[in-house]
Amino acid sequence: MTPLSLRFGLKLFATATLLAFGTSAGCTNENCHHVERSKLLARTCPASTTNNVISNGDFECGYTSWTVQVPDAAANYYITTPGYTGNYSFQVHFTPPSVNTEYGVSARIVSTPASVQPNVPYQLAFWTYFDNGDAGFVGVMINDVALYTIDARDHGYGGPFTLNTVNYTPTTDTVTIKFEFLFGSVNSLDRIDSVTFEPL
């Protein structure tokens, strides 16, 4: 098997895992681990001045408006520098081997429900950073529907943040955005930042 087909196979497996199990993966048992290393204090986030309905998508206010779930003790999460647009981004650091994943997921971050207009097209935009070519995947779910995966080799790694976009038309008046981090067997560091969800 060539490296390209192996990478494609791993990405296909990650996508299938999200589709098959993502809606039931909720960190609600004794295997959930929460390791918070941020030195940020809770702050009041300013209201968005754009059409973005996601509060604190740039993580400048720490974890405000987000819930972090870490079922795998091999994963630690941080609000850290650098960010794409501001000072901070959300980061997951994975130190293998995995201890206990949920359907392959080592960590996830979930937005609070955001109000939207049903049946209006929106675009989710976010920026990713991977520190190495085998740094796993980030899966994206909106309202518990698996829609997108990004891996380190899709846009490059070790350099600047890269843009990702997903179009979605909600059928309800709220949306919840979920990012799931799936890793392989390599010490890895993945970041997301500048999350927006705006009407097209």
N, C-alpha and C. Protein backbone atom coordinates (compact mmCIF):
# COMPACT_ATOMS: atom_id res chain seq x y z
N MET A 1 0.86 -1.19 0.00
CA MET A 1 0.00 0.00 0.00
C MET A 1 0.90 1.24 0.00
N THR A 2 0.64 2.18 -0.87
CA THR A 2 1.45 3.39 -0.93
C THR A 2 1.05 4.33 0.18
N PRO A 3 1.96 5.29 0.56
CA PRO A 3 1.60 6.25 1.61
C PRO A 3 0.34 7.03 1.29
N LEU A 4 0.12 7.35 0.00
CA LEU A 4 -1.08 8.11 -0.37
C LEU A 4 -2.33 7.30 -0.10
N SER A 5 -2.33 6.03 -0.51
CA SER A 5 -3.52 5.23 -0.29
C SER A 5 -3.71 4.92 1.19
N LEU A 6 -2.62 4.80 1.96
CA LEU A 6 -2.74 4.61 3.40
C LEU A 6 -3.38 5.82 4.04
N ARG A 7 -2.93 7.02 3.65
CA ARG A 7 -3.51 8.25 4.19
C ARG A 7 -4.99 8.35 3.83
N PHE A 8 -5.31 8.02 2.58
CA PHE A 8 -6.72 8.05 2.17
C PHE A 8 -7.53 7.04 2.97
N GLY A 9 -6.96 5.86 3.18
CA GLY A 9 -7.66 4.84 3.96
C GLY A 9 -7.92 5.28 5.39
N LEU A 10 -6.93 5.94 6.02
CA LEU A 10 -7.10 6.44 7.38
C LEU A 10 -8.16 7.53 7.43
N LYS A 11 -8.16 8.41 6.43
CA LYS A 11 -9.16 9.47 6.41
C LYS A 11 -10.55 8.88 6.19
N LEU A 12 -10.65 7.91 5.33
CA LEU A 12 -11.93 7.25 5.09
C LEU A 12 -12.43 6.58 6.38
N PHE A 13 -11.51 5.93 7.13
CA PHE A 13 -11.88 5.32 8.39
C PHE A 13 -12.37 6.36 9.38
N ALA A 14 -11.66 7.52 9.47
CA ALA A 14 -12.08 8.57 10.40
C ALA A 14 -13.45 9.11 10.03
N THR A 15 -13.70 9.30 8.73
CA THR A 15 -15.01 9.79 8.30
C THR A 15 -16.10 8.77 8.62
N ALA A 16 -15.81 7.49 8.35
CA ALA A 16 -16.80 6.45 8.64
C ALA A 16 -17.08 6.38 10.13
N THR A 17 -16.04 6.56 10.95
CA THR A 17 -16.23 6.54 12.40
C THR A 17 -17.13 7.67 12.84
N LEU A 18 -16.91 8.87 12.30
CA LEU A 18 -17.76 10.01 12.64
C LEU A 18 -19.20 9.75 12.22
N LEU A 19 -19.39 9.23 11.01
CA LEU A 19 -20.74 8.99 10.53
C LEU A 19 -21.44 7.89 11.32
N ALA A 20 -20.69 6.84 11.67
CA ALA A 20 -21.31 5.71 12.34
C ALA A 20 -21.56 5.94 13.82
N PHE A 21 -20.64 6.64 14.48
CA PHE A 21 -20.71 6.72 15.92
C PHE A 21 -20.79 8.12 16.49
N GLY A 22 -20.59 9.13 15.65
CA GLY A 22 -20.47 10.48 16.16
C GLY A 22 -21.67 10.96 16.94
N THR A 23 -22.87 10.60 16.52
CA THR A 23 -24.04 11.12 17.20
C THR A 23 -24.21 10.55 18.60
N SER A 24 -23.58 9.41 18.88
CA SER A 24 -23.73 8.82 20.21
C SER A 24 -22.54 9.09 21.11
N ALA A 25 -21.52 9.74 20.58
CA ALA A 25 -20.31 9.95 21.38
C ALA A 25 -20.47 11.18 22.24
N GLY A 26 -20.77 10.98 23.50
CA GLY A 26 -20.86 12.07 24.46
C GLY A 26 -20.10 11.68 25.69
N CYS A 27 -19.18 12.47 26.13
CA CYS A 27 -18.31 12.10 27.23
C CYS A 27 -19.09 12.19 28.54
N THR A 28 -19.74 11.10 28.93
CA THR A 28 -20.62 11.14 30.09
C THR A 28 -20.30 10.05 31.10
N ASN A 29 -19.13 9.42 31.01
CA ASN A 29 -18.86 8.33 31.94
C ASN A 29 -17.57 8.56 32.71
N GLU A 30 -17.18 7.56 33.50
CA GLU A 30 -16.01 7.71 34.36
C GLU A 30 -14.71 7.77 33.58
N ASN A 31 -14.75 7.48 32.28
CA ASN A 31 -13.54 7.52 31.48
C ASN A 31 -13.23 8.89 30.91
N CYS A 32 -14.03 9.89 31.24
CA CYS A 32 -13.80 11.24 30.75
C CYS A 32 -12.72 11.91 31.59
N HIS A 33 -11.81 12.55 30.94
CA HIS A 33 -10.72 13.23 31.63
C HIS A 33 -10.70 14.69 31.24
N HIS A 34 -10.56 15.54 32.20
CA HIS A 34 -10.54 16.98 31.96
C HIS A 34 -9.21 17.53 32.50
N VAL A 35 -8.38 17.98 31.59
CA VAL A 35 -7.10 18.54 32.00
C VAL A 35 -7.03 19.96 31.47
N GLU A 36 -7.19 20.90 32.34
CA GLU A 36 -7.20 22.30 31.93
C GLU A 36 -5.92 22.96 32.41
N ARG A 37 -5.15 23.51 31.48
CA ARG A 37 -3.88 24.13 31.81
C ARG A 37 -3.86 25.62 31.52
N SER A 38 -4.98 26.14 31.05
CA SER A 38 -5.03 27.56 30.69
C SER A 38 -4.88 28.44 31.92
N LYS A 39 -4.14 29.53 31.76
CA LYS A 39 -4.00 30.51 32.83
C LYS A 39 -4.95 31.68 32.62
N LEU A 40 -5.82 31.57 31.61
CA LEU A 40 -6.77 32.65 31.34
C LEU A 40 -7.81 32.72 32.44
N LEU A 41 -8.19 33.88 32.79
CA LEU A 41 -9.30 34.08 33.71
C LEU A 41 -10.58 34.22 32.90
N ALA A 42 -11.71 33.85 33.48
CA ALA A 42 -12.99 34.02 32.79
C ALA A 42 -13.22 35.50 32.53
N ARG A 43 -13.58 35.81 31.31
CA ARG A 43 -13.83 37.19 30.94
C ARG A 43 -15.15 37.27 30.20
N THR A 44 -15.72 38.46 30.18
CA THR A 44 -16.93 38.68 29.41
C THR A 44 -16.53 38.94 27.96
N CYS A 45 -17.10 38.17 27.06
CA CYS A 45 -16.77 38.33 25.65
C CYS A 45 -17.63 39.42 25.03
N PRO A 46 -17.03 40.27 24.21
CA PRO A 46 -17.83 41.28 23.53
C PRO A 46 -18.75 40.64 22.50
N ALA A 47 -19.87 41.26 22.23
CA ALA A 47 -20.79 40.77 21.20
C ALA A 47 -20.13 40.89 19.83
N SER A 48 -20.47 39.96 18.95
CA SER A 48 -19.92 39.97 17.60
C SER A 48 -20.43 41.19 16.84
N THR A 49 -19.56 41.79 16.05
CA THR A 49 -19.96 42.93 15.23
C THR A 49 -20.23 42.50 13.80
N THR A 50 -20.21 41.21 13.52
CA THR A 50 -20.49 40.68 12.18
C THR A 50 -21.76 39.83 12.26
N ASN A 51 -22.03 39.10 11.19
CA ASN A 51 -23.18 38.19 11.17
C ASN A 51 -22.85 36.83 11.78
N ASN A 52 -21.66 36.69 12.35
CA ASN A 52 -21.24 35.44 12.97
C ASN A 52 -22.09 35.15 14.20
N VAL A 53 -22.68 33.95 14.25
CA VAL A 53 -23.54 33.59 15.38
C VAL A 53 -22.80 32.80 16.46
N ILE A 54 -21.53 32.47 16.21
CA ILE A 54 -20.74 31.71 17.18
C ILE A 54 -20.02 32.67 18.11
N SER A 55 -20.31 32.56 19.39
CA SER A 55 -19.68 33.41 20.39
C SER A 55 -18.29 32.87 20.74
N ASN A 56 -17.32 33.77 20.85
CA ASN A 56 -15.96 33.44 21.25
C ASN A 56 -15.31 32.40 20.34
N GLY A 57 -15.56 32.50 19.05
CA GLY A 57 -14.96 31.58 18.09
C GLY A 57 -13.47 31.77 17.92
N ASP A 58 -12.93 32.89 18.45
CA ASP A 58 -11.49 33.11 18.39
C ASP A 58 -10.78 32.75 19.69
N PHE A 59 -11.54 32.26 20.67
CA PHE A 59 -11.01 31.78 21.96
C PHE A 59 -10.25 32.85 22.74
N GLU A 60 -10.51 34.10 22.44
CA GLU A 60 -9.86 35.19 23.18
C GLU A 60 -10.41 35.28 24.60
N CYS A 61 -11.59 34.69 24.84
CA CYS A 61 -12.18 34.68 26.18
C CYS A 61 -12.13 33.29 26.78
N GLY A 62 -11.06 32.56 26.49
CA GLY A 62 -10.89 31.23 27.07
C GLY A 62 -11.91 30.26 26.54
N TYR A 63 -12.54 29.51 27.45
CA TYR A 63 -13.51 28.49 27.08
C TYR A 63 -14.94 28.99 27.10
N THR A 64 -15.13 30.29 27.33
CA THR A 64 -16.48 30.85 27.35
C THR A 64 -17.23 30.44 26.08
N SER A 65 -18.45 29.94 26.24
CA SER A 65 -19.33 29.50 25.16
C SER A 65 -18.94 28.17 24.54
N TRP A 66 -18.00 27.46 25.14
CA TRP A 66 -17.58 26.16 24.64
C TRP A 66 -17.55 25.15 25.78
N THR A 67 -17.78 23.89 25.45
CA THR A 67 -17.64 22.78 26.39
C THR A 67 -16.59 21.82 25.83
N VAL A 68 -15.64 21.45 26.65
CA VAL A 68 -14.58 20.54 26.23
C VAL A 68 -14.81 19.18 26.87
N GLN A 69 -14.67 18.13 26.07
CA GLN A 69 -14.79 16.75 26.54
C GLN A 69 -13.54 15.99 26.11
N VAL A 70 -12.91 15.30 27.05
CA VAL A 70 -11.67 14.59 26.76
C VAL A 70 -11.78 13.16 27.30
N PRO A 71 -12.27 12.22 26.49
CA PRO A 71 -12.39 10.84 26.96
C PRO A 71 -11.06 10.09 27.04
N ASP A 72 -10.02 10.61 26.39
CA ASP A 72 -8.72 9.93 26.32
C ASP A 72 -7.70 10.64 27.20
N ALA A 73 -7.18 9.95 28.20
CA ALA A 73 -6.19 10.55 29.10
C ALA A 73 -4.87 10.87 28.40
N ALA A 74 -4.69 10.39 27.17
CA ALA A 74 -3.49 10.71 26.41
C ALA A 74 -3.58 12.10 25.76
N ALA A 75 -4.73 12.73 25.88
CA ALA A 75 -4.94 14.05 25.28
C ALA A 75 -5.09 15.11 26.37
N ASN A 76 -4.43 16.23 26.17
CA ASN A 76 -4.56 17.40 27.04
C ASN A 76 -4.97 18.58 26.17
N TYR A 77 -5.74 19.49 26.73
CA TYR A 77 -6.17 20.64 25.94
C TYR A 77 -5.81 21.94 26.63
N TYR A 78 -5.68 22.99 25.81
CA TYR A 78 -5.22 24.29 26.28
C TYR A 78 -5.86 25.40 25.46
N ILE A 79 -5.95 26.56 26.03
CA ILE A 79 -6.08 27.79 25.26
C ILE A 79 -4.67 28.35 25.24
N THR A 80 -4.14 28.54 24.05
CA THR A 80 -2.72 28.84 23.95
C THR A 80 -2.43 29.82 22.83
N THR A 81 -1.22 30.29 22.76
CA THR A 81 -0.75 31.13 21.67
C THR A 81 0.07 30.26 20.73
N PRO A 82 0.15 30.60 19.45
CA PRO A 82 -0.50 31.76 18.83
C PRO A 82 -1.91 31.42 18.37
N GLY A 83 -2.66 32.46 18.06
CA GLY A 83 -3.95 32.31 17.41
C GLY A 83 -3.83 32.71 15.95
N TYR A 84 -4.88 32.45 15.19
CA TYR A 84 -4.85 32.88 13.79
C TYR A 84 -5.09 34.38 13.68
N THR A 85 -6.17 34.87 14.31
CA THR A 85 -6.48 36.30 14.20
C THR A 85 -6.15 37.07 15.46
N GLY A 86 -6.19 36.41 16.60
CA GLY A 86 -5.92 37.09 17.86
C GLY A 86 -4.72 36.47 18.55
N ASN A 87 -4.77 36.51 19.87
CA ASN A 87 -3.66 35.97 20.64
C ASN A 87 -3.77 34.48 20.91
N TYR A 88 -4.99 33.92 20.88
CA TYR A 88 -5.19 32.57 21.37
C TYR A 88 -5.88 31.67 20.36
N SER A 89 -5.70 30.36 20.57
CA SER A 89 -6.39 29.32 19.81
C SER A 89 -6.65 28.16 20.76
N PHE A 90 -7.52 27.23 20.32
CA PHE A 90 -7.77 26.02 21.09
C PHE A 90 -6.84 24.93 20.58
N GLN A 91 -6.16 24.25 21.50
CA GLN A 91 -5.15 23.27 21.13
C GLN A 91 -5.38 21.96 21.87
N VAL A 92 -5.18 20.85 21.16
CA VAL A 92 -5.16 19.53 21.79
C VAL A 92 -3.78 18.94 21.55
N HIS A 93 -3.13 18.52 22.64
CA HIS A 93 -1.82 17.87 22.56
C HIS A 93 -2.01 16.39 22.90
N PHE A 94 -1.59 15.53 21.98
CA PHE A 94 -1.75 14.09 22.13
C PHE A 94 -0.40 13.45 22.37
N THR A 95 -0.30 12.67 23.45
CA THR A 95 0.91 11.93 23.77
C THR A 95 0.56 10.44 23.77
N PRO A 96 0.95 9.72 22.71
CA PRO A 96 0.55 8.31 22.60
C PRO A 96 1.20 7.46 23.70
N PRO A 97 0.63 6.28 23.94
CA PRO A 97 -0.51 5.70 23.24
C PRO A 97 -1.84 6.16 23.82
N SER A 98 -2.90 5.98 23.04
CA SER A 98 -4.24 6.29 23.53
C SER A 98 -4.56 5.43 24.74
N VAL A 99 -5.30 6.02 25.67
CA VAL A 99 -5.70 5.29 26.87
C VAL A 99 -7.12 4.77 26.72
N ASN A 100 -8.03 5.64 26.29
CA ASN A 100 -9.43 5.24 26.16
C ASN A 100 -10.15 6.26 25.29
N THR A 101 -10.27 5.99 24.00
CA THR A 101 -10.99 6.89 23.12
C THR A 101 -12.47 6.52 23.09
N GLU A 102 -13.29 7.43 22.58
CA GLU A 102 -14.69 7.14 22.29
C GLU A 102 -14.85 7.08 20.78
N TYR A 103 -14.96 5.85 20.25
CA TYR A 103 -15.09 5.66 18.81
C TYR A 103 -13.95 6.35 18.06
N GLY A 104 -12.75 6.31 18.63
CA GLY A 104 -11.58 6.92 18.01
C GLY A 104 -11.34 8.35 18.41
N VAL A 105 -12.29 8.99 19.09
CA VAL A 105 -12.18 10.40 19.45
C VAL A 105 -11.42 10.54 20.77
N SER A 106 -10.34 11.34 20.75
CA SER A 106 -9.56 11.61 21.96
C SER A 106 -10.04 12.85 22.68
N ALA A 107 -10.55 13.83 21.94
CA ALA A 107 -11.03 15.08 22.54
C ALA A 107 -12.04 15.72 21.61
N ARG A 108 -12.90 16.54 22.20
CA ARG A 108 -13.85 17.31 21.38
C ARG A 108 -14.14 18.63 22.08
N ILE A 109 -14.54 19.61 21.28
CA ILE A 109 -14.98 20.89 21.81
C ILE A 109 -16.31 21.23 21.14
N VAL A 110 -17.29 21.64 21.95
CA VAL A 110 -18.66 21.80 21.48
C VAL A 110 -19.14 23.22 21.80
N SER A 111 -19.69 23.89 20.81
CA SER A 111 -20.21 25.25 21.02
C SER A 111 -21.52 25.21 21.79
N THR A 112 -21.85 26.31 22.42
CA THR A 112 -23.20 26.45 22.95
C THR A 112 -24.15 26.61 21.77
N PRO A 113 -25.42 26.24 21.91
CA PRO A 113 -26.36 26.41 20.79
C PRO A 113 -26.44 27.88 20.37
N ALA A 114 -26.40 28.09 19.06
CA ALA A 114 -26.46 29.44 18.50
C ALA A 114 -27.74 29.59 17.70
N SER A 115 -28.39 30.74 17.82
CA SER A 115 -29.64 31.01 17.09
C SER A 115 -29.36 31.29 15.62
N VAL A 116 -30.15 30.66 14.75
CA VAL A 116 -30.02 30.84 13.31
C VAL A 116 -31.41 30.92 12.70
N GLN A 117 -31.44 31.27 11.41
CA GLN A 117 -32.70 31.27 10.67
C GLN A 117 -32.83 29.94 9.93
N PRO A 118 -33.87 29.17 10.20
CA PRO A 118 -34.03 27.90 9.51
C PRO A 118 -34.15 28.08 8.00
N ASN A 119 -33.65 27.09 7.27
CA ASN A 119 -33.75 27.02 5.82
C ASN A 119 -33.02 28.16 5.11
N VAL A 120 -32.06 28.76 5.77
CA VAL A 120 -31.19 29.78 5.17
C VAL A 120 -29.78 29.19 5.10
N PRO A 121 -29.11 29.25 3.93
CA PRO A 121 -27.77 28.70 3.81
C PRO A 121 -26.75 29.49 4.67
N TYR A 122 -25.92 28.76 5.40
CA TYR A 122 -24.85 29.33 6.20
C TYR A 122 -23.53 28.71 5.79
N GLN A 123 -22.45 29.37 6.19
CA GLN A 123 -21.12 28.80 5.99
C GLN A 123 -20.36 28.79 7.31
N LEU A 124 -19.86 27.60 7.67
CA LEU A 124 -18.95 27.47 8.79
C LEU A 124 -17.54 27.66 8.26
N ALA A 125 -16.78 28.54 8.89
CA ALA A 125 -15.37 28.74 8.53
C ALA A 125 -14.54 28.60 9.80
N PHE A 126 -13.40 27.96 9.68
CA PHE A 126 -12.49 27.83 10.81
C PHE A 126 -11.09 27.57 10.27
N TRP A 127 -10.11 27.81 11.11
CA TRP A 127 -8.70 27.68 10.72
C TRP A 127 -8.07 26.57 11.55
N THR A 128 -7.23 25.75 10.90
CA THR A 128 -6.59 24.63 11.58
C THR A 128 -5.07 24.72 11.47
N TYR A 129 -4.42 24.10 12.45
CA TYR A 129 -2.96 23.96 12.46
C TYR A 129 -2.63 22.56 12.94
N PHE A 130 -1.74 21.88 12.24
CA PHE A 130 -1.23 20.56 12.63
C PHE A 130 0.29 20.66 12.69
N ASP A 131 0.91 20.07 13.69
CA ASP A 131 2.35 20.21 13.83
C ASP A 131 3.15 19.17 13.05
N ASN A 132 2.49 18.11 12.57
CA ASN A 132 3.21 17.11 11.76
C ASN A 132 2.23 16.42 10.82
N GLY A 133 2.77 15.74 9.84
CA GLY A 133 1.95 15.13 8.80
C GLY A 133 1.10 13.96 9.25
N ASP A 134 1.40 13.42 10.43
CA ASP A 134 0.63 12.29 10.95
C ASP A 134 -0.14 12.68 12.21
N ALA A 135 -0.54 13.96 12.26
CA ALA A 135 -1.19 14.51 13.47
C ALA A 135 -2.69 14.23 13.53
N GLY A 136 -3.15 13.21 12.84
CA GLY A 136 -4.54 12.81 12.96
C GLY A 136 -5.51 13.67 12.17
N PHE A 137 -6.74 13.72 12.67
CA PHE A 137 -7.85 14.37 11.97
C PHE A 137 -8.64 15.25 12.92
N VAL A 138 -9.30 16.24 12.35
CA VAL A 138 -10.33 16.99 13.06
C VAL A 138 -11.62 16.75 12.29
N GLY A 139 -12.62 16.22 12.99
CA GLY A 139 -13.93 16.00 12.39
C GLY A 139 -14.88 17.10 12.81
N VAL A 140 -15.78 17.48 11.90
CA VAL A 140 -16.73 18.56 12.17
C VAL A 140 -18.15 18.01 12.10
N MET A 141 -18.93 18.35 13.13
CA MET A 141 -20.34 17.98 13.16
C MET A 141 -21.16 19.24 13.43
N ILE A 142 -22.28 19.36 12.76
CA ILE A 142 -23.24 20.42 13.03
C ILE A 142 -24.56 19.75 13.38
N ASN A 143 -25.09 20.07 14.55
CA ASN A 143 -26.31 19.42 15.05
C ASN A 143 -26.20 17.90 14.99
N ASP A 144 -25.03 17.40 15.40
CA ASP A 144 -24.74 15.97 15.47
C ASP A 144 -24.77 15.27 14.12
N VAL A 145 -24.60 16.01 13.04
CA VAL A 145 -24.46 15.43 11.71
C VAL A 145 -23.00 15.59 11.29
N ALA A 146 -22.32 14.47 11.02
CA ALA A 146 -20.93 14.52 10.58
C ALA A 146 -20.86 15.05 9.15
N LEU A 147 -20.07 16.14 8.97
CA LEU A 147 -20.06 16.81 7.67
C LEU A 147 -18.68 16.91 7.03
N TYR A 148 -17.62 16.83 7.80
CA TYR A 148 -16.31 17.22 7.24
C TYR A 148 -15.20 16.66 8.10
N THR A 149 -14.11 16.23 7.46
CA THR A 149 -12.87 15.92 8.18
C THR A 149 -11.72 16.62 7.50
N ILE A 150 -10.76 17.02 8.30
CA ILE A 150 -9.54 17.66 7.80
C ILE A 150 -8.36 16.96 8.45
N ASP A 151 -7.35 16.59 7.66
CA ASP A 151 -6.15 16.03 8.26
C ASP A 151 -4.94 16.88 7.89
N ALA A 152 -3.83 16.58 8.51
CA ALA A 152 -2.64 17.42 8.37
C ALA A 152 -2.14 17.51 6.93
N ARG A 153 -2.39 16.50 6.14
CA ARG A 153 -1.86 16.51 4.77
C ARG A 153 -2.82 17.14 3.76
N ASP A 154 -4.01 17.52 4.20
CA ASP A 154 -4.95 18.15 3.27
C ASP A 154 -4.48 19.51 2.82
N HIS A 155 -3.98 20.34 3.75
CA HIS A 155 -3.53 21.69 3.42
C HIS A 155 -2.09 21.95 3.83
N GLY A 156 -1.42 20.98 4.39
CA GLY A 156 -0.06 21.18 4.86
C GLY A 156 -0.03 21.23 6.38
N TYR A 157 1.18 21.18 6.91
CA TYR A 157 1.36 21.12 8.36
C TYR A 157 2.67 21.81 8.73
N GLY A 158 2.75 22.20 9.98
CA GLY A 158 3.96 22.82 10.49
C GLY A 158 4.14 24.27 10.08
N GLY A 159 3.25 24.80 9.26
CA GLY A 159 3.35 26.17 8.80
C GLY A 159 2.26 27.02 9.41
N PRO A 160 1.68 27.93 8.65
CA PRO A 160 0.62 28.78 9.19
C PRO A 160 -0.71 28.02 9.29
N PHE A 161 -1.66 28.63 9.98
CA PHE A 161 -3.03 28.11 10.02
C PHE A 161 -3.59 28.06 8.60
N THR A 162 -4.49 27.12 8.33
CA THR A 162 -5.14 27.03 7.02
C THR A 162 -6.65 27.08 7.17
N LEU A 163 -7.32 27.64 6.16
CA LEU A 163 -8.76 27.86 6.18
C LEU A 163 -9.53 26.61 5.75
N ASN A 164 -10.64 26.37 6.44
CA ASN A 164 -11.58 25.30 6.09
C ASN A 164 -12.98 25.90 6.07
N THR A 165 -13.81 25.49 5.11
CA THR A 165 -15.19 25.98 5.05
C THR A 165 -16.14 24.81 4.81
N VAL A 166 -17.32 24.92 5.41
CA VAL A 166 -18.38 23.91 5.26
C VAL A 166 -19.69 24.65 5.10
N ASN A 167 -20.42 24.40 4.02
CA ASN A 167 -21.74 25.00 3.83
C ASN A 167 -22.80 24.10 4.47
N TYR A 168 -23.78 24.74 5.11
CA TYR A 168 -24.81 23.99 5.81
C TYR A 168 -26.08 24.83 5.89
N THR A 169 -27.22 24.20 5.61
CA THR A 169 -28.50 24.88 5.72
C THR A 169 -29.27 24.27 6.89
N PRO A 170 -29.38 24.99 8.01
CA PRO A 170 -30.07 24.43 9.17
C PRO A 170 -31.56 24.30 8.92
N THR A 171 -32.16 23.29 9.53
CA THR A 171 -33.61 23.10 9.44
C THR A 171 -34.30 23.45 10.76
N THR A 172 -33.49 23.83 11.76
CA THR A 172 -34.02 24.24 13.06
C THR A 172 -33.54 25.66 13.34
N ASP A 173 -33.99 26.23 14.45
CA ASP A 173 -33.60 27.62 14.74
C ASP A 173 -32.36 27.73 15.62
N THR A 174 -31.68 26.60 15.88
CA THR A 174 -30.40 26.64 16.59
C THR A 174 -29.42 25.66 15.95
N VAL A 175 -28.14 25.95 16.09
CA VAL A 175 -27.10 25.01 15.66
C VAL A 175 -26.08 24.87 16.78
N THR A 176 -25.50 23.68 16.84
CA THR A 176 -24.38 23.39 17.74
C THR A 176 -23.25 22.85 16.89
N ILE A 177 -22.07 23.45 17.03
CA ILE A 177 -20.90 23.05 16.26
C ILE A 177 -20.02 22.18 17.16
N LYS A 178 -19.57 21.06 16.62
CA LYS A 178 -18.71 20.15 17.38
C LYS A 178 -17.46 19.82 16.56
N PHE A 179 -16.29 19.98 17.18
CA PHE A 179 -15.02 19.58 16.58
C PHE A 179 -14.49 18.39 17.35
N GLU A 180 -14.19 17.30 16.64
CA GLU A 180 -13.66 16.09 17.28
C GLU A 180 -12.24 15.82 16.78
N PHE A 181 -11.36 15.49 17.72
CA PHE A 181 -9.94 15.28 17.44
C PHE A 181 -9.63 13.79 17.53
N LEU A 182 -9.17 13.22 16.42
CA LEU A 182 -8.81 11.81 16.34
C LEU A 182 -7.33 11.72 16.00
N PHE A 183 -6.59 10.90 16.73
CA PHE A 183 -5.14 10.83 16.55
C PHE A 183 -4.71 9.42 16.19
N GLY A 184 -3.48 9.32 15.71
CA GLY A 184 -2.89 8.03 15.39
C GLY A 184 -1.96 7.59 16.50
N SER A 185 -0.71 7.33 16.13
CA SER A 185 0.26 6.83 17.11
C SER A 185 1.46 7.75 17.28
N VAL A 186 1.31 9.01 16.83
CA VAL A 186 2.42 9.96 16.84
C VAL A 186 2.11 11.11 17.80
N ASN A 187 3.09 11.53 18.58
CA ASN A 187 2.95 12.71 19.43
C ASN A 187 2.53 13.87 18.54
N SER A 188 1.42 14.52 18.85
CA SER A 188 0.84 15.51 17.94
C SER A 188 0.23 16.69 18.67
N LEU A 189 0.14 17.78 17.94
CA LEU A 189 -0.46 19.01 18.44
C LEU A 189 -1.34 19.59 17.34
N ASP A 190 -2.65 19.68 17.60
CA ASP A 190 -3.61 20.22 16.63
C ASP A 190 -4.29 21.44 17.23
N ARG A 191 -4.55 22.45 16.40
CA ARG A 191 -5.22 23.67 16.87
C ARG A 191 -6.36 24.04 15.94
N ILE A 192 -7.38 24.70 16.52
CA ILE A 192 -8.41 25.36 15.72
C ILE A 192 -8.55 26.79 16.22
N ASP A 193 -9.02 27.68 15.35
CA ASP A 193 -9.20 29.07 15.73
C ASP A 193 -10.14 29.75 14.74
N SER A 194 -10.61 30.93 15.15
CA SER A 194 -11.41 31.81 14.29
C SER A 194 -12.61 31.10 13.68
N VAL A 195 -13.42 30.49 14.54
CA VAL A 195 -14.61 29.77 14.12
C VAL A 195 -15.74 30.77 13.89
N THR A 196 -16.33 30.74 12.68
CA THR A 196 -17.47 31.59 12.37
C THR A 196 -18.55 30.77 11.71
N PHE A 197 -19.78 31.18 11.87
CA PHE A 197 -20.93 30.56 11.21
C PHE A 197 -21.84 31.69 10.79
N GLU A 198 -21.84 32.00 9.49
CA GLU A 198 -22.52 33.19 8.98
C GLU A 198 -23.42 32.83 7.80
N PRO A 199 -24.53 33.56 7.64
CA PRO A 199 -25.38 33.32 6.47
C PRO A 199 -24.65 33.70 5.19
N LEU A 200 -24.93 32.94 4.14
CA LEU A 200 -24.30 33.23 2.84
C LEU A 200 -25.03 34.36 2.12
